[in-house]
Amino acid sequence: MTNLAIIYYSSYGTTHRMAQRVAEAAEKQGADVRLRHVAETAPSEVVEGQEAWAAHRREVEDQPVATPEDLDWADAVVFGSPTRYGHVTSQLQAFIDTLGPLWGQGKLADKVYTAFTSSQTKHGGQESTLLAMHTTFCHFGGIIVPPGYTDQLKFNDGNPYGVGKVTGQSTELNDDDYAALDHLVARALTVAGKLAS
């Protein structure tokens, strides 16, 4: 059984829904899954100043928060972050910055890593956000498993680096999003399984 950690940050709920779908798909394939959101670091007055953001924080407040131990435990890791100015959110970066001790012990190396993101607009920095996560995975000594165009449905979202969702005004996912996320986790688990054998 492959241990899969899904580590993500979500402001308004789209990335949370994407992470949930990844978890569901992985569990169907027999993986042992830890679904973990990273801690909120924005000031409470900023969060409470935006209704959708505050509502999502309340939605996840009782759910497990990511710790470095979740990566130590994992054979494969899926990171998720909305795009912020073409990069990951400060919340996810703050979590990454806690991983130095594990990195120093070599405990982040030789695991499978892959990623997903979302943005409100087309060309909203999705590819640079995914590549930023890939850069982090390289520093970990990780094995990056992108979807590429290994499935014909990848031409629907056109993103070979990971999965990207353009939200517009809706946080809901559609069938193409589900298919892309399912394929992403299937590839990650397949490669992790090969490495373990």
C-alpha atoms as a PDB file:
ATOM      1  CA  MET A   1       0.000   0.000   0.000  1.00  0.00           C
ATOM      2  CA  THR A   2       1.319   3.442  -0.943  1.00  0.00           C
ATOM      3  CA  ASN A   3       1.226   6.223   1.652  1.00  0.00           C
ATOM      4  CA  LEU A   4       0.011   9.391  -0.075  1.00  0.00           C
ATOM      5  CA  ALA A   5       0.060  12.811   1.584  1.00  0.00           C
ATOM      6  CA  ILE A   6      -2.016  15.584   0.010  1.00  0.00           C
ATOM      7  CA  ILE A   7      -0.746  18.935   1.291  1.00  0.00           C
ATOM      8  CA  TYR A   8      -2.643  22.005   0.159  1.00  0.00           C
ATOM      9  CA  TYR A   9      -3.815  25.515   0.890  1.00  0.00           C
ATOM     10  CA  SER A  10      -7.177  26.898  -0.191  1.00  0.00           C
ATOM     11  CA  SER A  11      -8.682  30.349   0.339  1.00  0.00           C
ATOM     12  CA  TYR A  12     -12.123  30.081  -1.210  1.00  0.00           C
ATOM     13  CA  GLY A  13     -12.584  26.337  -1.600  1.00  0.00           C
ATOM     14  CA  THR A  14     -11.529  25.389  -5.142  1.00  0.00           C
ATOM     15  CA  THR A  15      -8.159  23.945  -4.159  1.00  0.00           C
ATOM     16  CA  HIS A  16      -9.860  22.200  -1.227  1.00  0.00           C
ATOM     17  CA  ARG A  17     -12.317  20.513  -3.618  1.00  0.00           C
ATOM     18  CA  MET A  18      -9.431  19.516  -5.883  1.00  0.00           C
ATOM     19  CA  ALA A  19      -7.586  18.009  -2.903  1.00  0.00           C
ATOM     20  CA  GLN A  20     -10.696  16.092  -1.864  1.00  0.00           C
ATOM     21  CA  ARG A  21     -11.004  14.631  -5.361  1.00  0.00           C
ATOM     22  CA  VAL A  22      -7.347  13.565  -5.322  1.00  0.00           C
ATOM     23  CA  ALA A  23      -7.947  11.866  -1.969  1.00  0.00           C
ATOM     24  CA  GLU A  24     -11.048  10.052  -3.223  1.00  0.00           C
ATOM     25  CA  ALA A  25      -9.279   8.851  -6.373  1.00  0.00           C
ATOM     26  CA  ALA A  26      -6.247   7.658  -4.401  1.00  0.00           C
ATOM     27  CA  GLU A  27      -8.362   5.775  -1.873  1.00  0.00           C
ATOM     28  CA  LYS A  28     -10.185   4.011  -4.717  1.00  0.00           C
ATOM     29  CA  GLN A  29      -6.782   2.814  -5.922  1.00  0.00           C
ATOM     30  CA  GLY A  30      -5.943   1.418  -2.489  1.00  0.00           C
ATOM     31  CA  ALA A  31      -3.628   4.139  -1.194  1.00  0.00           C
ATOM     32  CA  ASP A  32      -3.425   5.092   2.461  1.00  0.00           C
ATOM     33  CA  VAL A  33      -4.218   8.825   2.318  1.00  0.00           C
ATOM     34  CA  ARG A  34      -3.556  11.796   4.558  1.00  0.00           C
ATOM     35  CA  LEU A  35      -5.476  14.891   3.397  1.00  0.00           C
ATOM     36  CA  ARG A  36      -3.975  17.933   5.138  1.00  0.00           C
ATOM     37  CA  HIS A  37      -4.504  21.664   4.689  1.00  0.00           C
ATOM     38  CA  VAL A  38      -1.745  24.012   5.798  1.00  0.00           C
ATOM     39  CA  ALA A  39      -2.291  26.522   8.573  1.00  0.00           C
ATOM     40  CA  GLU A  40      -3.786  29.911   7.803  1.00  0.00           C
ATOM     41  CA  THR A  41      -1.220  32.669   8.262  1.00  0.00           C
ATOM     42  CA  ALA A  42      -3.210  35.672   7.029  1.00  0.00           C
ATOM     43  CA  PRO A  43      -4.412  38.052   9.768  1.00  0.00           C
ATOM     44  CA  SER A  44      -7.922  37.189  10.961  1.00  0.00           C
ATOM     45  CA  GLU A  45      -9.230  40.641  10.062  1.00  0.00           C
ATOM     46  CA  VAL A  46      -8.148  40.086   6.461  1.00  0.00           C
ATOM     47  CA  VAL A  47      -9.798  36.655   6.306  1.00  0.00           C
ATOM     48  CA  GLU A  48     -12.990  37.866   7.981  1.00  0.00           C
ATOM     49  CA  GLY A  49     -13.097  40.828   5.596  1.00  0.00           C
ATOM     50  CA  GLN A  50     -13.932  38.516   2.695  1.00  0.00           C
ATOM     51  CA  GLU A  51     -17.067  36.447   3.127  1.00  0.00           C
ATOM     52  CA  ALA A  52     -16.044  33.497   0.937  1.00  0.00           C
ATOM     53  CA  TRP A  53     -12.611  33.262   2.544  1.00  0.00           C
ATOM     54  CA  ALA A  54     -14.054  33.357   6.063  1.00  0.00           C
ATOM     55  CA  ALA A  55     -16.676  30.751   5.136  1.00  0.00           C
ATOM     56  CA  HIS A  56     -14.029  28.364   3.810  1.00  0.00           C
ATOM     57  CA  ARG A  57     -11.870  28.795   6.924  1.00  0.00           C
ATOM     58  CA  ARG A  58     -14.855  27.759   9.027  1.00  0.00           C
ATOM     59  CA  GLU A  59     -15.432  24.783   6.696  1.00  0.00           C
ATOM     60  CA  VAL A  60     -11.964  23.338   7.345  1.00  0.00           C
ATOM     61  CA  GLU A  61     -11.249  24.518  10.891  1.00  0.00           C
ATOM     62  CA  ASP A  62     -11.818  21.055  12.406  1.00  0.00           C
ATOM     63  CA  GLN A  63      -9.866  19.184   9.715  1.00  0.00           C
ATOM     64  CA  PRO A  64      -6.250  18.023  10.175  1.00  0.00           C
ATOM     65  CA  VAL A  65      -3.492  20.581   9.610  1.00  0.00           C
ATOM     66  CA  ALA A  66      -0.325  19.549   7.774  1.00  0.00           C
ATOM     67  CA  THR A  67       2.841  18.812   9.731  1.00  0.00           C
ATOM     68  CA  PRO A  68       6.315  17.856   8.523  1.00  0.00           C
ATOM     69  CA  GLU A  69       5.659  14.328   9.831  1.00  0.00           C
ATOM     70  CA  ASP A  70       3.054  13.884   7.088  1.00  0.00           C
ATOM     71  CA  LEU A  71       5.816  14.133   4.482  1.00  0.00           C
ATOM     72  CA  ASP A  72       8.128  11.875   6.465  1.00  0.00           C
ATOM     73  CA  TRP A  73       5.346   9.239   6.488  1.00  0.00           C
ATOM     74  CA  ALA A  74       4.521   9.544   2.788  1.00  0.00           C
ATOM     75  CA  ASP A  75       5.810   7.583  -0.181  1.00  0.00           C
ATOM     76  CA  ALA A  76       4.204  10.087  -2.540  1.00  0.00           C
ATOM     77  CA  VAL A  77       3.103  13.691  -2.033  1.00  0.00           C
ATOM     78  CA  VAL A  78       0.642  15.867  -3.933  1.00  0.00           C
ATOM     79  CA  PHE A  79       0.922  19.585  -3.289  1.00  0.00           C
ATOM     80  CA  GLY A  80      -1.909  21.990  -4.114  1.00  0.00           C
ATOM     81  CA  SER A  81      -1.982  25.768  -4.093  1.00  0.00           C
ATOM     82  CA  PRO A  82      -3.944  28.570  -5.675  1.00  0.00           C
ATOM     83  CA  THR A  83      -1.865  30.846  -7.862  1.00  0.00           C
ATOM     84  CA  ARG A  84      -0.748  34.089  -6.246  1.00  0.00           C
ATOM     85  CA  TYR A  85       1.030  36.418  -8.643  1.00  0.00           C
ATOM     86  CA  GLY A  86       2.354  33.418 -10.561  1.00  0.00           C
ATOM     87  CA  HIS A  87       3.560  31.632  -7.445  1.00  0.00           C
ATOM     88  CA  VAL A  88       2.331  29.484  -4.553  1.00  0.00           C
ATOM     89  CA  THR A  89       0.484  31.115  -1.680  1.00  0.00           C
ATOM     90  CA  SER A  90       2.433  32.486   1.262  1.00  0.00           C
ATOM     91  CA  GLN A  91       0.590  29.972   3.459  1.00  0.00           C
ATOM     92  CA  LEU A  92       1.941  26.986   1.536  1.00  0.00           C
ATOM     93  CA  GLN A  93       5.397  28.545   1.378  1.00  0.00           C
ATOM     94  CA  ALA A  94       5.333  29.046   5.151  1.00  0.00           C
ATOM     95  CA  PHE A  95       4.700  25.312   5.540  1.00  0.00           C
ATOM     96  CA  ILE A  96       7.475  24.441   3.090  1.00  0.00           C
ATOM     97  CA  ASP A  97       9.808  26.620   5.148  1.00  0.00           C
ATOM     98  CA  THR A  98       9.262  24.326   8.168  1.00  0.00           C
ATOM     99  CA  LEU A  99      10.665  21.325   6.308  1.00  0.00           C
ATOM    100  CA  GLY A 100      14.360  22.172   6.740  1.00  0.00           C
ATOM    101  CA  PRO A 101      15.028  19.593   9.467  1.00  0.00           C
ATOM    102  CA  LEU A 102      13.513  16.775   7.367  1.00  0.00           C
ATOM    103  CA  TRP A 103      15.404  18.005   4.303  1.00  0.00           C
ATOM    104  CA  GLY A 104      18.651  18.083   6.294  1.00  0.00           C
ATOM    105  CA  GLN A 105      18.138  14.439   7.248  1.00  0.00           C
ATOM    106  CA  GLY A 106      17.421  13.437   3.642  1.00  0.00           C
ATOM    107  CA  LYS A 107      13.886  12.410   4.538  1.00  0.00           C
ATOM    108  CA  LEU A 108      12.230  14.342   1.705  1.00  0.00           C
ATOM    109  CA  ALA A 109      14.296  12.650  -1.002  1.00  0.00           C
ATOM    110  CA  ASP A 110      13.327   9.727  -3.226  1.00  0.00           C
ATOM    111  CA  LYS A 111       9.582  10.280  -2.891  1.00  0.00           C
ATOM    112  CA  VAL A 112       7.184  10.928  -5.747  1.00  0.00           C
ATOM    113  CA  TYR A 113       5.893  14.507  -5.969  1.00  0.00           C
ATOM    114  CA  THR A 114       3.265  16.112  -8.166  1.00  0.00           C
ATOM    115  CA  ALA A 115       1.044  19.192  -7.956  1.00  0.00           C
ATOM    116  CA  PHE A 116      -2.143  21.043  -8.848  1.00  0.00           C
ATOM    117  CA  THR A 117      -3.240  24.667  -8.821  1.00  0.00           C
ATOM    118  CA  SER A 118      -6.116  26.997  -9.562  1.00  0.00           C
ATOM    119  CA  SER A 119      -6.505  30.594 -10.676  1.00  0.00           C
ATOM    120  CA  GLN A 120      -9.445  32.867 -11.326  1.00  0.00           C
ATOM    121  CA  THR A 121      -8.311  33.814 -14.829  1.00  0.00           C
ATOM    122  CA  LYS A 122      -6.883  32.063 -17.873  1.00  0.00           C
ATOM    123  CA  HIS A 123      -3.121  32.487 -18.078  1.00  0.00           C
ATOM    124  CA  GLY A 124      -3.259  33.487 -14.404  1.00  0.00           C
ATOM    125  CA  GLY A 125       0.140  32.035 -13.586  1.00  0.00           C
ATOM    126  CA  GLN A 126      -0.796  28.366 -13.317  1.00  0.00           C
ATOM    127  CA  GLU A 127       2.241  27.018 -15.137  1.00  0.00           C
ATOM    128  CA  SER A 128       4.714  29.173 -13.201  1.00  0.00           C
ATOM    129  CA  THR A 129       3.050  28.133  -9.936  1.00  0.00           C
ATOM    130  CA  LEU A 130       3.369  24.445 -10.807  1.00  0.00           C
ATOM    131  CA  LEU A 131       6.968  24.928 -11.916  1.00  0.00           C
ATOM    132  CA  ALA A 132       7.711  26.748  -8.647  1.00  0.00           C
ATOM    133  CA  MET A 133       6.506  23.669  -6.800  1.00  0.00           C
ATOM    134  CA  HIS A 134       8.640  21.508  -9.097  1.00  0.00           C
ATOM    135  CA  THR A 135      11.668  23.630  -8.151  1.00  0.00           C
ATOM    136  CA  THR A 136      10.951  22.878  -4.501  1.00  0.00           C
ATOM    137  CA  PHE A 137      10.657  19.174  -5.287  1.00  0.00           C
ATOM    138  CA  CYS A 138      14.074  19.305  -6.953  1.00  0.00           C
ATOM    139  CA  HIS A 139      15.559  20.764  -3.778  1.00  0.00           C
ATOM    140  CA  PHE A 140      13.956  17.925  -1.836  1.00  0.00           C
ATOM    141  CA  GLY A 141      15.633  15.362  -4.104  1.00  0.00           C
ATOM    142  CA  GLY A 142      12.155  14.247  -5.089  1.00  0.00           C
ATOM    143  CA  ILE A 143      10.979  12.397  -8.160  1.00  0.00           C
ATOM    144  CA  ILE A 144       8.664  14.701 -10.090  1.00  0.00           C
ATOM    145  CA  VAL A 145       5.804  12.912 -11.826  1.00  0.00           C
ATOM    146  CA  PRO A 146       3.942  15.347 -14.098  1.00  0.00           C
ATOM    147  CA  PRO A 147       0.950  14.227 -16.131  1.00  0.00           C
ATOM    148  CA  GLY A 148       2.515  15.337 -19.395  1.00  0.00           C
ATOM    149  CA  TYR A 149       0.170  14.374 -22.201  1.00  0.00           C
ATOM    150  CA  THR A 150      -0.023  10.737 -21.156  1.00  0.00           C
ATOM    151  CA  ASP A 151      -3.799  10.808 -21.346  1.00  0.00           C
ATOM    152  CA  GLN A 152      -5.815  12.254 -24.237  1.00  0.00           C
ATOM    153  CA  LEU A 153      -8.021  14.140 -21.770  1.00  0.00           C
ATOM    154  CA  LYS A 154      -4.984  16.236 -20.780  1.00  0.00           C
ATOM    155  CA  PHE A 155      -5.547  18.190 -23.971  1.00  0.00           C
ATOM    156  CA  ASN A 156      -8.724  19.539 -22.355  1.00  0.00           C
ATOM    157  CA  ASP A 157      -6.803  21.526 -19.748  1.00  0.00           C
ATOM    158  CA  GLY A 158      -3.585  21.665 -21.782  1.00  0.00           C
ATOM    159  CA  ASN A 159      -1.307  21.600 -18.753  1.00  0.00           C
ATOM    160  CA  PRO A 160       1.543  19.054 -18.836  1.00  0.00           C
ATOM    161  CA  TYR A 161       3.083  20.231 -15.535  1.00  0.00           C
ATOM    162  CA  GLY A 162       0.230  19.280 -13.233  1.00  0.00           C
ATOM    163  CA  VAL A 163      -3.487  20.032 -13.048  1.00  0.00           C
ATOM    164  CA  GLY A 164      -4.736  23.577 -13.400  1.00  0.00           C
ATOM    165  CA  LYS A 165      -8.284  24.811 -12.827  1.00  0.00           C
ATOM    166  CA  VAL A 166      -9.554  28.159 -14.090  1.00  0.00           C
ATOM    167  CA  THR A 167     -12.310  29.087 -11.677  1.00  0.00           C
ATOM    168  CA  GLY A 168     -13.838  32.259 -13.080  1.00  0.00           C
ATOM    169  CA  GLN A 169     -16.562  33.083 -10.587  1.00  0.00           C
ATOM    170  CA  SER A 170     -17.247  29.463  -9.563  1.00  0.00           C
ATOM    171  CA  THR A 171     -15.391  27.171  -7.177  1.00  0.00           C
ATOM    172  CA  GLU A 172     -17.136  24.071  -8.559  1.00  0.00           C
ATOM    173  CA  LEU A 173     -15.302  21.366 -10.488  1.00  0.00           C
ATOM    174  CA  ASN A 174     -16.464  19.768 -13.732  1.00  0.00           C
ATOM    175  CA  ASP A 175     -15.937  16.377 -15.374  1.00  0.00           C
ATOM    176  CA  ASP A 176     -12.736  17.510 -17.121  1.00  0.00           C
ATOM    177  CA  ASP A 177     -11.305  18.643 -13.781  1.00  0.00           C
ATOM    178  CA  TYR A 178     -12.172  15.314 -12.180  1.00  0.00           C
ATOM    179  CA  ALA A 179     -10.596  13.372 -15.049  1.00  0.00           C
ATOM    180  CA  ALA A 180      -7.388  15.420 -14.914  1.00  0.00           C
ATOM    181  CA  LEU A 181      -7.064  15.027 -11.132  1.00  0.00           C
ATOM    182  CA  ASP A 182      -7.806  11.292 -11.322  1.00  0.00           C
ATOM    183  CA  HIS A 183      -5.106  10.866 -13.961  1.00  0.00           C
ATOM    184  CA  LEU A 184      -2.606  12.906 -11.935  1.00  0.00           C
ATOM    185  CA  VAL A 185      -2.981  10.739  -8.841  1.00  0.00           C
ATOM    186  CA  ALA A 186      -3.030   7.519 -10.879  1.00  0.00           C
ATOM    187  CA  ARG A 187       0.345   8.392 -12.403  1.00  0.00           C
ATOM    188  CA  ALA A 188       1.822   9.362  -9.042  1.00  0.00           C
ATOM    189  CA  LEU A 189       0.685   6.119  -7.422  1.00  0.00           C
ATOM    190  CA  THR A 190       1.808   3.989 -10.370  1.00  0.00           C
ATOM    191  CA  VAL A 191       5.317   5.441 -10.302  1.00  0.00           C
ATOM    192  CA  ALA A 192       5.500   5.230  -6.501  1.00  0.00           C
ATOM    193  CA  GLY A 193       4.477   1.585  -6.722  1.00  0.00           C
ATOM    194  CA  LYS A 194       7.207   0.854  -9.265  1.00  0.00           C
ATOM    195  CA  LEU A 195       9.806   2.525  -7.077  1.00  0.00           C
ATOM    196  CA  ALA A 196       8.735   0.412  -4.102  1.00  0.00           C
ATOM    197  CA  SER A 197       8.954  -2.887  -5.982  1.00  0.00           C
END
